Protein backbone atom coordinates (compact mmCIF):
# COMPACT_ATOMS: atom_id res chain seq x y z
CA MET A 1 -146.33 -169.98 193.02
CA ALA A 2 -142.92 -168.54 192.92
CA ASP A 3 -140.84 -169.17 189.97
CA LYS A 4 -138.26 -172.07 190.04
CA ILE A 5 -134.94 -170.70 189.97
CA ALA A 6 -131.37 -172.21 189.00
CA PHE A 7 -128.23 -170.33 189.92
CA LEU A 8 -125.06 -171.27 188.30
CA GLY A 9 -121.71 -169.85 189.45
CA LEU A 10 -121.25 -168.91 193.12
CA GLY A 11 -118.16 -166.90 193.26
CA SER A 12 -118.57 -163.78 195.72
CA MET A 13 -120.96 -162.04 193.73
CA GLY A 14 -122.89 -165.17 192.63
CA ALA A 15 -123.27 -166.59 196.09
CA ALA A 16 -124.48 -163.43 197.51
CA MET A 17 -127.26 -163.04 194.70
CA ALA A 18 -128.27 -166.77 195.01
CA ALA A 19 -128.90 -166.07 198.84
CA ASN A 20 -131.08 -163.05 198.36
CA LEU A 21 -133.27 -165.08 195.82
CA LEU A 22 -133.79 -167.91 198.36
CA GLN A 23 -134.32 -165.43 201.25
CA ALA A 24 -137.17 -163.80 198.94
CA GLY A 25 -138.74 -167.08 198.73
CA PHE A 26 -137.86 -168.41 195.40
CA PRO A 27 -137.24 -172.35 195.50
CA LEU A 28 -133.57 -172.34 194.75
CA THR A 29 -131.21 -174.99 192.96
CA VAL A 30 -127.57 -174.08 192.75
CA TYR A 31 -124.40 -175.35 190.64
CA ASN A 32 -120.83 -174.44 191.05
CA ARG A 33 -117.78 -175.97 189.44
CA THR A 34 -116.19 -176.20 193.07
CA ALA A 35 -118.91 -177.82 194.77
CA ALA A 36 -117.73 -176.78 198.31
CA LYS A 37 -119.06 -173.14 197.53
CA ALA A 38 -122.49 -174.24 197.36
CA GLU A 39 -122.60 -175.87 200.93
CA HIS A 40 -123.55 -172.65 202.76
CA LEU A 41 -126.57 -172.39 200.36
CA ARG A 42 -127.54 -176.00 200.81
CA ALA A 43 -127.71 -175.04 204.49
CA GLN A 44 -130.23 -172.18 204.17
CA GLY A 45 -132.33 -174.64 201.92
CA ALA A 46 -131.07 -174.73 198.42
CA THR A 47 -131.00 -178.09 196.17
CA VAL A 48 -127.01 -178.49 195.13
CA ALA A 49 -126.88 -179.89 191.64
CA ALA A 50 -123.87 -182.00 190.37
CA THR A 51 -124.11 -180.47 186.79
CA PRO A 52 -125.41 -177.45 185.16
CA ALA A 53 -127.84 -179.83 183.14
CA GLU A 54 -129.13 -181.31 186.45
CA ALA A 55 -129.67 -177.62 187.86
CA VAL A 56 -131.70 -176.22 185.17
CA ARG A 57 -133.69 -179.28 184.30
CA GLU A 58 -136.75 -178.02 186.37
CA ALA A 59 -136.06 -174.36 186.38
CA ASP A 60 -138.14 -171.40 185.23
CA ILE A 61 -135.30 -169.04 185.21
CA VAL A 62 -131.88 -169.69 185.09
CA PHE A 63 -129.43 -167.00 186.35
CA THR A 64 -125.59 -167.27 185.45
CA MET A 65 -122.75 -165.28 187.03
CA LEU A 66 -119.55 -166.59 185.40
CA THR A 67 -115.89 -165.29 185.17
CA ASP A 68 -115.72 -164.81 181.42
CA ASP A 69 -117.12 -165.39 177.82
CA GLN A 70 -115.86 -168.57 177.29
CA ALA A 71 -117.31 -170.07 180.74
CA LEU A 72 -120.47 -168.75 179.60
CA THR A 73 -120.59 -170.31 176.45
CA ASP A 74 -119.33 -173.33 177.79
CA ILE A 75 -122.01 -173.83 180.40
CA THR A 76 -124.80 -172.68 178.12
CA THR A 77 -124.03 -174.82 174.76
CA GLY A 78 -121.44 -177.13 175.77
CA PRO A 79 -122.08 -180.90 176.82
CA ASP A 80 -124.14 -181.42 180.04
CA GLY A 81 -124.79 -177.62 179.66
CA ILE A 82 -127.99 -175.45 180.06
CA LEU A 83 -129.40 -175.89 177.00
CA SER A 84 -129.23 -179.77 176.90
CA THR A 85 -132.08 -179.99 179.29
CA LEU A 86 -133.55 -176.47 179.57
CA ARG A 87 -137.44 -176.43 179.29
CA PRO A 88 -138.79 -174.47 176.49
CA GLY A 89 -140.24 -171.24 177.45
CA ALA A 90 -137.65 -171.01 180.34
CA ILE A 91 -135.73 -167.62 180.78
CA HIS A 92 -131.71 -167.33 181.18
CA ALA A 93 -130.63 -164.36 183.05
CA SER A 94 -127.04 -163.83 182.04
CA CYS A 95 -125.41 -161.61 184.91
CA SER A 96 -121.95 -162.10 183.77
CA THR A 97 -119.83 -159.15 182.36
CA VAL A 98 -119.28 -160.47 178.46
CA ALA A 99 -118.91 -159.07 175.15
CA PRO A 100 -122.42 -158.00 173.69
CA ASP A 101 -121.88 -160.32 171.04
CA THR A 102 -121.62 -163.19 173.06
CA ASN A 103 -124.82 -162.62 174.80
CA ARG A 104 -126.35 -162.12 171.28
CA ARG A 105 -125.05 -165.34 169.96
CA LEU A 106 -126.21 -167.16 173.09
CA ALA A 107 -129.31 -165.53 172.57
CA GLU A 108 -129.82 -167.02 169.01
CA ALA A 109 -129.10 -170.29 170.53
CA HIS A 110 -131.59 -170.16 173.05
CA ALA A 111 -134.25 -168.91 170.34
CA ALA A 112 -133.67 -171.80 168.46
CA HIS A 113 -134.31 -173.86 171.56
CA GLY A 114 -137.33 -172.37 172.35
CA SER A 115 -136.12 -170.44 175.44
CA VAL A 116 -134.91 -166.70 175.80
CA LEU A 117 -131.82 -165.19 177.03
CA VAL A 118 -132.00 -161.71 178.70
CA ALA A 119 -128.66 -160.20 179.50
CA SER A 120 -128.68 -158.99 183.11
CA PRO A 121 -125.56 -157.57 184.44
CA VAL A 122 -125.34 -155.88 187.57
CA PHE A 123 -123.38 -152.90 189.01
CA GLY A 124 -122.07 -153.48 192.51
CA LYS A 125 -119.24 -154.64 195.05
CA PRO A 126 -120.14 -158.21 196.81
CA ASP A 127 -121.14 -156.24 200.05
CA VAL A 128 -123.74 -154.31 197.79
CA ALA A 129 -124.97 -157.85 196.46
CA ALA A 130 -125.25 -159.24 199.92
CA ALA A 131 -127.35 -156.43 200.84
CA GLY A 132 -129.44 -156.79 197.77
CA LYS A 133 -128.79 -153.45 196.58
CA LEU A 134 -127.12 -153.88 193.14
CA TRP A 135 -128.08 -152.01 190.07
CA VAL A 136 -129.34 -154.34 187.52
CA GLY A 137 -129.31 -153.93 183.66
CA SER A 138 -131.65 -155.87 181.24
CA SER A 139 -132.00 -156.43 177.58
CA GLY A 140 -133.69 -158.75 175.36
CA ALA A 141 -137.05 -160.09 174.30
CA ALA A 142 -139.87 -157.96 175.88
CA GLU A 143 -141.57 -161.21 177.40
CA GLY A 144 -138.22 -162.40 178.84
CA ARG A 145 -137.76 -158.94 180.48
CA GLU A 146 -141.08 -158.87 182.01
CA ARG A 147 -140.77 -162.05 183.69
CA LEU A 148 -137.36 -161.53 185.16
CA LYS A 149 -138.73 -158.37 187.17
CA ALA A 150 -139.62 -160.05 190.25
CA ALA A 151 -136.36 -162.24 190.39
CA GLN A 152 -134.18 -158.97 189.63
CA ALA A 153 -136.33 -156.88 192.23
CA ALA A 154 -134.76 -159.61 194.79
CA ILE A 155 -131.18 -158.90 194.09
CA GLY A 156 -131.20 -155.12 193.13
CA GLN A 157 -132.51 -151.77 194.10
CA GLY A 158 -133.52 -151.02 190.57
CA THR A 159 -133.59 -152.61 187.03
CA HIS A 160 -132.75 -150.14 183.89
CA ASP A 161 -134.49 -151.51 180.80
CA PHE A 162 -132.06 -151.36 177.59
CA GLY A 163 -134.56 -152.62 175.07
CA ASP A 164 -134.75 -155.85 172.89
CA ASP A 165 -131.29 -155.96 171.78
CA PRO A 166 -129.58 -158.81 174.02
CA GLY A 167 -126.07 -157.04 173.76
CA ALA A 168 -127.26 -153.56 174.83
CA ALA A 169 -127.31 -154.46 178.47
CA SER A 170 -123.95 -155.75 177.96
CA VAL A 171 -122.66 -152.47 176.42
CA ALA A 172 -123.97 -150.31 179.25
CA LYS A 173 -121.83 -152.44 181.88
CA LEU A 174 -118.75 -152.31 179.75
CA CYS A 175 -119.33 -148.65 179.77
CA GLY A 176 -120.21 -148.37 183.46
CA ASN A 177 -116.95 -150.21 184.27
CA PHE A 178 -114.83 -148.12 182.02
CA LEU A 179 -116.14 -145.23 183.58
CA LEU A 180 -115.16 -146.45 187.10
CA GLY A 181 -111.80 -146.97 185.60
CA THR A 182 -111.56 -143.21 184.77
CA VAL A 183 -112.86 -142.39 188.43
CA ILE A 184 -109.79 -144.33 189.85
CA GLU A 185 -107.08 -143.14 187.43
CA GLY A 186 -108.43 -139.51 188.12
CA LEU A 187 -108.04 -139.82 191.85
CA ALA A 188 -104.86 -141.41 191.76
CA GLU A 189 -103.08 -138.75 189.80
CA ALA A 190 -104.85 -135.99 191.69
CA LEU A 191 -103.76 -137.47 195.02
CA THR A 192 -100.29 -138.25 193.94
CA LEU A 193 -99.83 -134.68 192.60
CA ALA A 194 -101.43 -133.44 196.13
CA GLU A 195 -98.84 -135.69 198.06
CA LYS A 196 -95.64 -134.52 196.24
CA CYS A 197 -96.74 -130.97 196.67
CA GLY A 198 -96.86 -131.61 200.38
CA LEU A 199 -100.72 -132.32 201.23
CA ASP A 200 -101.72 -135.23 203.29
CA ARG A 201 -103.60 -137.58 200.90
CA VAL A 202 -106.31 -138.60 203.10
CA GLY A 203 -106.96 -134.93 204.07
CA PHE A 204 -107.54 -133.98 200.63
CA TYR A 205 -109.27 -137.20 199.82
CA GLU A 206 -111.73 -136.13 202.80
CA MET A 207 -112.00 -132.50 201.37
CA LEU A 208 -112.81 -133.59 197.88
CA THR A 209 -115.70 -136.19 199.13
CA SER A 210 -117.25 -133.91 201.53
CA THR A 211 -117.41 -131.05 198.74
CA LEU A 212 -117.56 -131.36 195.03
CA PHE A 213 -117.06 -135.00 194.78
CA ASN A 214 -119.40 -136.17 197.55
CA ASN A 215 -120.83 -139.37 196.12
CA PRO A 216 -120.56 -143.16 196.77
CA ILE A 217 -118.08 -143.95 194.00
CA TYR A 218 -115.63 -141.31 194.73
CA LYS A 219 -116.00 -142.17 198.52
CA SER A 220 -115.41 -145.68 197.99
CA TYR A 221 -112.72 -145.88 195.93
CA GLY A 222 -111.06 -142.82 197.06
CA LYS A 223 -110.83 -144.15 200.30
CA LEU A 224 -108.78 -147.05 199.06
CA ILE A 225 -106.76 -144.82 196.88
CA ALA A 226 -106.10 -142.34 199.61
CA GLU A 227 -105.34 -144.94 202.12
CA GLN A 228 -103.31 -146.95 199.97
CA HIS A 229 -104.88 -149.98 201.36
CA TYR A 230 -106.82 -152.04 198.76
CA GLN A 231 -108.98 -154.50 200.78
CA PRO A 232 -111.58 -155.62 201.08
CA VAL A 233 -111.21 -157.12 197.30
CA GLY A 234 -114.46 -156.03 195.42
CA ALA A 235 -113.18 -157.46 192.14
CA PRO A 236 -109.64 -158.74 191.39
CA PRO A 237 -107.19 -156.94 189.10
CA ALA A 238 -107.37 -160.11 186.41
CA ILE A 239 -111.16 -159.84 186.15
CA ILE A 240 -111.38 -156.09 185.69
CA ARG A 241 -108.32 -156.27 182.97
CA LYS A 242 -110.73 -158.58 181.09
CA ASP A 243 -113.52 -156.19 181.34
CA MET A 244 -111.39 -153.53 180.20
CA ASN A 245 -109.91 -155.75 177.15
CA LEU A 246 -113.83 -156.16 176.09
CA VAL A 247 -114.23 -152.42 176.32
CA VAL A 248 -110.98 -151.90 174.15
CA GLN A 249 -112.64 -154.43 171.70
CA GLU A 250 -115.96 -152.87 171.44
CA ALA A 251 -114.29 -149.80 170.76
CA TYR A 252 -112.22 -150.75 168.01
CA LYS A 253 -115.00 -152.54 166.44
CA GLN A 254 -117.42 -149.48 166.54
CA ALA A 255 -114.42 -147.21 165.51
CA VAL A 256 -114.77 -145.18 168.74
CA PRO A 257 -110.94 -144.14 170.03
CA MET A 258 -111.12 -144.72 173.44
CA PRO A 259 -107.25 -143.55 174.84
CA PHE A 260 -108.38 -143.83 178.52
CA ALA A 261 -109.44 -147.31 178.20
CA ASN A 262 -106.08 -148.54 176.59
CA LEU A 263 -104.44 -146.67 179.52
CA ILE A 264 -106.63 -148.43 182.09
CA ARG A 265 -106.05 -152.07 180.71
CA ASP A 266 -102.36 -151.15 180.57
CA ARG A 267 -102.39 -150.10 184.06
CA LEU A 268 -104.39 -153.25 185.05
CA THR A 269 -102.06 -155.61 182.95
CA ALA A 270 -98.93 -154.37 184.82
CA THR A 271 -100.86 -155.02 188.21
CA VAL A 272 -101.73 -158.50 186.75
CA ALA A 273 -97.82 -159.04 185.75
CA LEU A 274 -96.79 -157.92 189.49
CA GLY A 275 -98.50 -161.11 190.85
CA GLU A 276 -100.97 -159.20 193.25
CA PRO A 277 -104.17 -161.38 193.11
CA ASP A 278 -105.37 -160.66 196.44
CA VAL A 279 -106.10 -156.68 195.97
CA ASP A 280 -108.87 -154.70 194.85
CA TRP A 281 -108.72 -153.70 190.91
CA ALA A 282 -108.41 -150.25 192.43
CA SER A 283 -104.75 -151.19 193.24
CA PHE A 284 -103.62 -150.04 189.74
CA ALA A 285 -103.73 -146.60 191.29
CA LYS A 286 -100.30 -147.80 192.92
CA ARG A 287 -99.06 -147.61 189.58
CA VAL A 288 -99.49 -143.79 189.30
CA SER A 289 -97.80 -143.33 192.55
CA GLU A 290 -94.89 -145.57 191.24
CA ASP A 291 -94.62 -143.37 187.93
CA ALA A 292 -94.16 -140.19 190.29
CA GLY A 293 -91.44 -141.75 192.16
CA LEU A 294 -93.36 -142.45 195.40
């Protein structure tokens, strides 16, 4: 019999992931603070719960995909949260992009309860999530990682094991997001210089991504930057600004100088301050062109 799954947090990523779990045949109960976002999943056969505690009461596995560390902490340990009703032995797959220490602290709370937290962050945009092609990180207690494999396979094209430390997969996620930011900054600087020297932005981008930089990341983000059209929104600037802040905080804690991380965080801060919430986070590339007088 398939594990009973609860999914909490139905934003653009969470809704797509939950739908794939449902399509894979897992009995699914869902919860979202804005209840209307759960209705399309109800129509597909999911049970909709009124509270997190209600959602996880019968669950073998709980997925959470939430905005930030505070939201994850509140929904896990707060009143009417996961740990108020979760059965001993159940697994919490923590998919949110949060500080490594947040998942470590929550893993300790789960251990005291008799349940297990496994960090399970994902790489990919909402369209990738909808296609079930995310890349998934996994770290935490070995038994929990093993039990999650079938559910992780329903949402992704591959899972990478980072060991027993429930913070390790979160480190990998933050480092990955940082690298994406450096790609965006680098492309923005190169295309801006090319444009100021008289080259066509789009033509130059097409040359780059059909030769030395022929890979999905340079192609997808490069297209947005070359065309200066930052739709559809994979993730809004405010969300990734939060992630870059976590990168900088972890770097400070570990005594790792990361000047690029600070630069990218500042670009995103300027983008948020300009009030552009309905564009992809790659729109911080516009700050590079503006600095160059374009």
